[in-house]
């Protein structure tokens, strides 16, 4: 999608990119909420310390992926800004 925009630069494609960027931001916010909820459940329900550590770390890694996706979309937004 981004390569098509940078080749043609039509307003329709720009609008579509802005919509996708907004979707990414929304999904990242949802991922943050889920991350907090999952961590809370892990600490409440898992008794084994090593399991808690690994599960929390896994949740944090997935959260970082969502953060990086939002960072990339923010850069894309700056590139398509006029």
N, C-alpha and C. Protein backbone atom coordinates (compact mmCIF):
# COMPACT_ATOMS: atom_id res chain seq x y z
N UNK A 1 0.82 -1.19 0.00
CA UNK A 1 0.00 0.00 0.00
C UNK A 1 0.87 1.26 0.00
N UNK A 2 1.89 1.29 0.83
CA UNK A 2 2.75 2.47 0.91
C UNK A 2 3.51 2.69 -0.38
N UNK A 3 4.01 1.62 -1.00
CA UNK A 3 4.76 1.79 -2.24
C UNK A 3 3.86 2.32 -3.35
N UNK A 4 2.61 1.89 -3.37
CA UNK A 4 1.66 2.40 -4.37
C UNK A 4 1.44 3.89 -4.15
N UNK A 5 1.29 4.29 -2.89
CA UNK A 5 1.09 5.71 -2.61
C UNK A 5 2.27 6.54 -3.08
N UNK A 6 3.50 6.09 -2.78
CA UNK A 6 4.66 6.89 -3.13
C UNK A 6 4.93 6.90 -4.63
N UNK A 7 4.43 5.91 -5.36
CA UNK A 7 4.57 5.93 -6.82
C UNK A 7 3.57 6.88 -7.45
N UNK A 8 2.31 6.84 -7.00
CA UNK A 8 1.25 7.59 -7.66
C UNK A 8 0.81 8.84 -6.92
N UNK A 9 0.84 8.81 -5.61
CA UNK A 9 0.48 9.94 -4.76
C UNK A 9 -0.90 10.51 -5.05
N UNK A 10 -1.89 9.65 -5.16
CA UNK A 10 -3.25 10.14 -5.36
C UNK A 10 -3.88 10.44 -4.01
N UNK A 11 -4.85 11.32 -4.02
CA UNK A 11 -5.53 11.70 -2.78
C UNK A 11 -6.30 10.51 -2.19
N UNK A 12 -6.85 9.68 -3.06
CA UNK A 12 -7.58 8.49 -2.60
C UNK A 12 -6.64 7.56 -1.83
N UNK A 13 -5.44 7.35 -2.36
CA UNK A 13 -4.47 6.49 -1.69
C UNK A 13 -3.99 7.12 -0.39
N UNK A 14 -3.82 8.43 -0.40
CA UNK A 14 -3.40 9.13 0.81
C UNK A 14 -4.45 8.98 1.91
N UNK A 15 -5.71 9.12 1.54
CA UNK A 15 -6.80 8.95 2.49
C UNK A 15 -6.83 7.54 3.04
N UNK A 16 -6.61 6.57 2.17
CA UNK A 16 -6.58 5.16 2.59
C UNK A 16 -5.43 4.91 3.57
N UNK A 17 -4.27 5.47 3.28
CA UNK A 17 -3.11 5.32 4.17
C UNK A 17 -3.41 5.93 5.54
N UNK A 18 -4.03 7.11 5.55
CA UNK A 18 -4.37 7.75 6.81
C UNK A 18 -5.34 6.90 7.62
N UNK A 19 -6.27 6.26 6.93
CA UNK A 19 -7.22 5.37 7.60
C UNK A 19 -6.50 4.16 8.20
N UNK A 20 -5.58 3.58 7.45
CA UNK A 20 -4.82 2.44 7.96
C UNK A 20 -3.97 2.83 9.16
N UNK A 21 -3.38 4.01 9.11
CA UNK A 21 -2.57 4.50 10.22
C UNK A 21 -3.43 4.66 11.47
N UNK A 22 -4.63 5.19 11.29
CA UNK A 22 -5.55 5.34 12.43
C UNK A 22 -5.94 3.98 12.99
N UNK A 23 -6.17 3.00 12.11
CA UNK A 23 -6.49 1.64 12.55
C UNK A 23 -5.35 1.06 13.38
N UNK A 24 -4.12 1.27 12.93
CA UNK A 24 -2.96 0.76 13.67
C UNK A 24 -2.89 1.38 15.05
N UNK A 25 -3.13 2.68 15.13
CA UNK A 25 -3.11 3.36 16.43
C UNK A 25 -4.17 2.77 17.37
N UNK A 26 -5.37 2.53 16.83
CA UNK A 26 -6.45 1.95 17.64
C UNK A 26 -6.08 0.55 18.12
N UNK A 27 -5.53 -0.26 17.22
CA UNK A 27 -5.14 -1.62 17.60
C UNK A 27 -4.01 -1.61 18.64
N UNK A 28 -3.11 -0.66 18.54
CA UNK A 28 -2.02 -0.57 19.51
C UNK A 28 -2.58 -0.21 20.89
N UNK A 29 -3.55 0.68 20.92
CA UNK A 29 -4.17 1.03 22.20
C UNK A 29 -4.89 -0.17 22.80
N UNK A 30 -5.56 -0.95 21.97
CA UNK A 30 -6.21 -2.17 22.44
C UNK A 30 -5.18 -3.17 22.95
N UNK A 31 -4.05 -3.25 22.28
CA UNK A 31 -2.98 -4.16 22.72
C UNK A 31 -2.45 -3.74 24.08
N UNK A 32 -2.35 -2.43 24.33
CA UNK A 32 -1.90 -1.95 25.64
C UNK A 32 -2.87 -2.38 26.75
N UNK A 33 -4.16 -2.26 26.47
CA UNK A 33 -5.17 -2.66 27.46
C UNK A 33 -5.07 -4.16 27.72
N UNK A 34 -4.98 -4.94 26.64
CA UNK A 34 -4.87 -6.39 26.80
C UNK A 34 -3.60 -6.78 27.55
N UNK A 35 -2.52 -6.07 27.29
CA UNK A 35 -1.26 -6.36 27.98
C UNK A 35 -1.43 -6.18 29.49
N UNK A 36 -2.04 -5.08 29.89
CA UNK A 36 -2.26 -4.85 31.32
C UNK A 36 -3.16 -5.93 31.93
N UNK A 37 -4.24 -6.27 31.21
CA UNK A 37 -5.17 -7.28 31.72
C UNK A 37 -4.50 -8.65 31.83
N UNK A 38 -3.72 -9.01 30.82
CA UNK A 38 -3.05 -10.31 30.85
C UNK A 38 -2.03 -10.39 31.98
N UNK A 39 -1.26 -9.34 32.17
CA UNK A 39 -0.29 -9.34 33.27
C UNK A 39 -1.00 -9.50 34.61
N UNK A 40 -2.10 -8.81 34.77
CA UNK A 40 -2.86 -8.91 36.01
C UNK A 40 -3.34 -10.34 36.24
N UNK A 41 -3.88 -10.96 35.19
CA UNK A 41 -4.36 -12.34 35.31
C UNK A 41 -3.23 -13.32 35.59
N UNK A 42 -2.10 -13.10 34.95
CA UNK A 42 -0.94 -13.98 35.17
C UNK A 42 -0.55 -13.95 36.64
N UNK A 43 -0.43 -12.75 37.20
CA UNK A 43 -0.02 -12.65 38.61
C UNK A 43 -1.07 -13.21 39.56
N UNK A 44 -2.34 -13.13 39.17
CA UNK A 44 -3.40 -13.65 40.04
C UNK A 44 -3.51 -15.17 39.99
N UNK A 45 -3.29 -15.76 38.82
CA UNK A 45 -3.63 -17.16 38.63
C UNK A 45 -2.44 -18.12 38.58
N UNK A 46 -1.27 -17.64 38.23
CA UNK A 46 -0.11 -18.52 38.10
C UNK A 46 0.72 -18.43 39.38
N UNK A 47 1.04 -19.58 39.92
CA UNK A 47 1.79 -19.62 41.19
C UNK A 47 3.28 -19.86 41.00
N UNK A 48 3.65 -20.52 39.93
CA UNK A 48 5.06 -20.84 39.68
C UNK A 48 5.79 -19.58 39.20
N UNK A 49 6.82 -19.18 39.92
CA UNK A 49 7.54 -17.93 39.62
C UNK A 49 8.15 -17.93 38.23
N UNK A 50 8.72 -19.06 37.83
CA UNK A 50 9.35 -19.12 36.51
C UNK A 50 8.31 -18.98 35.40
N UNK A 51 7.17 -19.60 35.58
CA UNK A 51 6.09 -19.47 34.60
C UNK A 51 5.59 -18.03 34.53
N UNK A 52 5.47 -17.40 35.68
CA UNK A 52 5.05 -15.99 35.71
C UNK A 52 6.04 -15.15 34.93
N UNK A 53 7.31 -15.35 35.19
CA UNK A 53 8.35 -14.58 34.50
C UNK A 53 8.24 -14.74 32.99
N UNK A 54 8.16 -15.99 32.53
CA UNK A 54 8.14 -16.24 31.08
C UNK A 54 6.85 -15.72 30.44
N UNK A 55 5.73 -15.89 31.09
CA UNK A 55 4.48 -15.40 30.52
C UNK A 55 4.43 -13.88 30.47
N UNK A 56 4.89 -13.24 31.53
CA UNK A 56 4.92 -11.77 31.53
C UNK A 56 5.87 -11.27 30.45
N UNK A 57 7.00 -11.92 30.33
CA UNK A 57 7.96 -11.51 29.29
C UNK A 57 7.37 -11.69 27.90
N UNK A 58 6.65 -12.78 27.66
CA UNK A 58 6.00 -13.01 26.38
C UNK A 58 4.97 -11.92 26.08
N UNK A 59 4.18 -11.56 27.07
CA UNK A 59 3.18 -10.50 26.90
C UNK A 59 3.87 -9.18 26.58
N UNK A 60 4.98 -8.90 27.24
CA UNK A 60 5.72 -7.67 26.98
C UNK A 60 6.29 -7.64 25.57
N UNK A 61 6.78 -8.77 25.09
CA UNK A 61 7.33 -8.84 23.73
C UNK A 61 6.24 -8.57 22.70
N UNK A 62 5.09 -9.18 22.89
CA UNK A 62 3.98 -8.94 21.96
C UNK A 62 3.55 -7.47 22.02
N UNK A 63 3.54 -6.90 23.22
CA UNK A 63 3.23 -5.48 23.37
C UNK A 63 4.24 -4.60 22.65
N UNK A 64 5.51 -4.99 22.70
CA UNK A 64 6.55 -4.24 21.99
C UNK A 64 6.35 -4.28 20.48
N UNK A 65 5.88 -5.41 19.98
CA UNK A 65 5.60 -5.52 18.54
C UNK A 65 4.53 -4.50 18.16
N UNK A 66 3.48 -4.41 18.97
CA UNK A 66 2.42 -3.44 18.70
C UNK A 66 2.96 -2.01 18.78
N UNK A 67 3.83 -1.74 19.74
CA UNK A 67 4.44 -0.41 19.86
C UNK A 67 5.26 -0.06 18.62
N UNK A 68 6.03 -1.02 18.13
CA UNK A 68 6.85 -0.78 16.94
C UNK A 68 5.98 -0.55 15.71
N UNK A 69 4.87 -1.26 15.61
CA UNK A 69 3.95 -1.05 14.49
C UNK A 69 3.40 0.37 14.53
N UNK A 70 3.06 0.85 15.71
CA UNK A 70 2.57 2.22 15.82
C UNK A 70 3.67 3.22 15.49
N UNK A 71 4.89 2.97 15.94
CA UNK A 71 6.00 3.87 15.60
C UNK A 71 6.20 3.95 14.09
N UNK A 72 6.13 2.80 13.42
CA UNK A 72 6.28 2.78 11.96
C UNK A 72 5.15 3.54 11.30
N UNK A 73 3.94 3.39 11.81
CA UNK A 73 2.81 4.10 11.21
C UNK A 73 2.92 5.60 11.45
N UNK A 74 3.46 6.00 12.59
CA UNK A 74 3.68 7.43 12.84
C UNK A 74 4.68 8.01 11.85
N UNK A 75 5.70 7.25 11.54
CA UNK A 75 6.68 7.71 10.54
C UNK A 75 6.04 7.81 9.16
N UNK A 76 5.18 6.84 8.84
CA UNK A 76 4.49 6.88 7.56
C UNK A 76 3.58 8.11 7.50
N UNK A 77 2.91 8.40 8.61
CA UNK A 77 2.03 9.58 8.65
C UNK A 77 2.84 10.85 8.38
N UNK A 78 4.03 10.93 8.94
CA UNK A 78 4.88 12.10 8.70
C UNK A 78 5.30 12.17 7.23
N UNK A 79 5.52 11.02 6.61
CA UNK A 79 5.94 11.00 5.21
C UNK A 79 4.82 11.45 4.27
N UNK A 80 3.57 11.13 4.62
CA UNK A 80 2.48 11.48 3.71
C UNK A 80 1.87 12.84 4.04
N UNK A 81 2.31 13.46 5.14
CA UNK A 81 1.77 14.77 5.51
C UNK A 81 2.15 15.80 4.46
N UNK A 82 1.28 16.75 4.33
CA UNK A 82 1.56 17.82 3.35
C UNK A 82 1.86 19.10 4.05
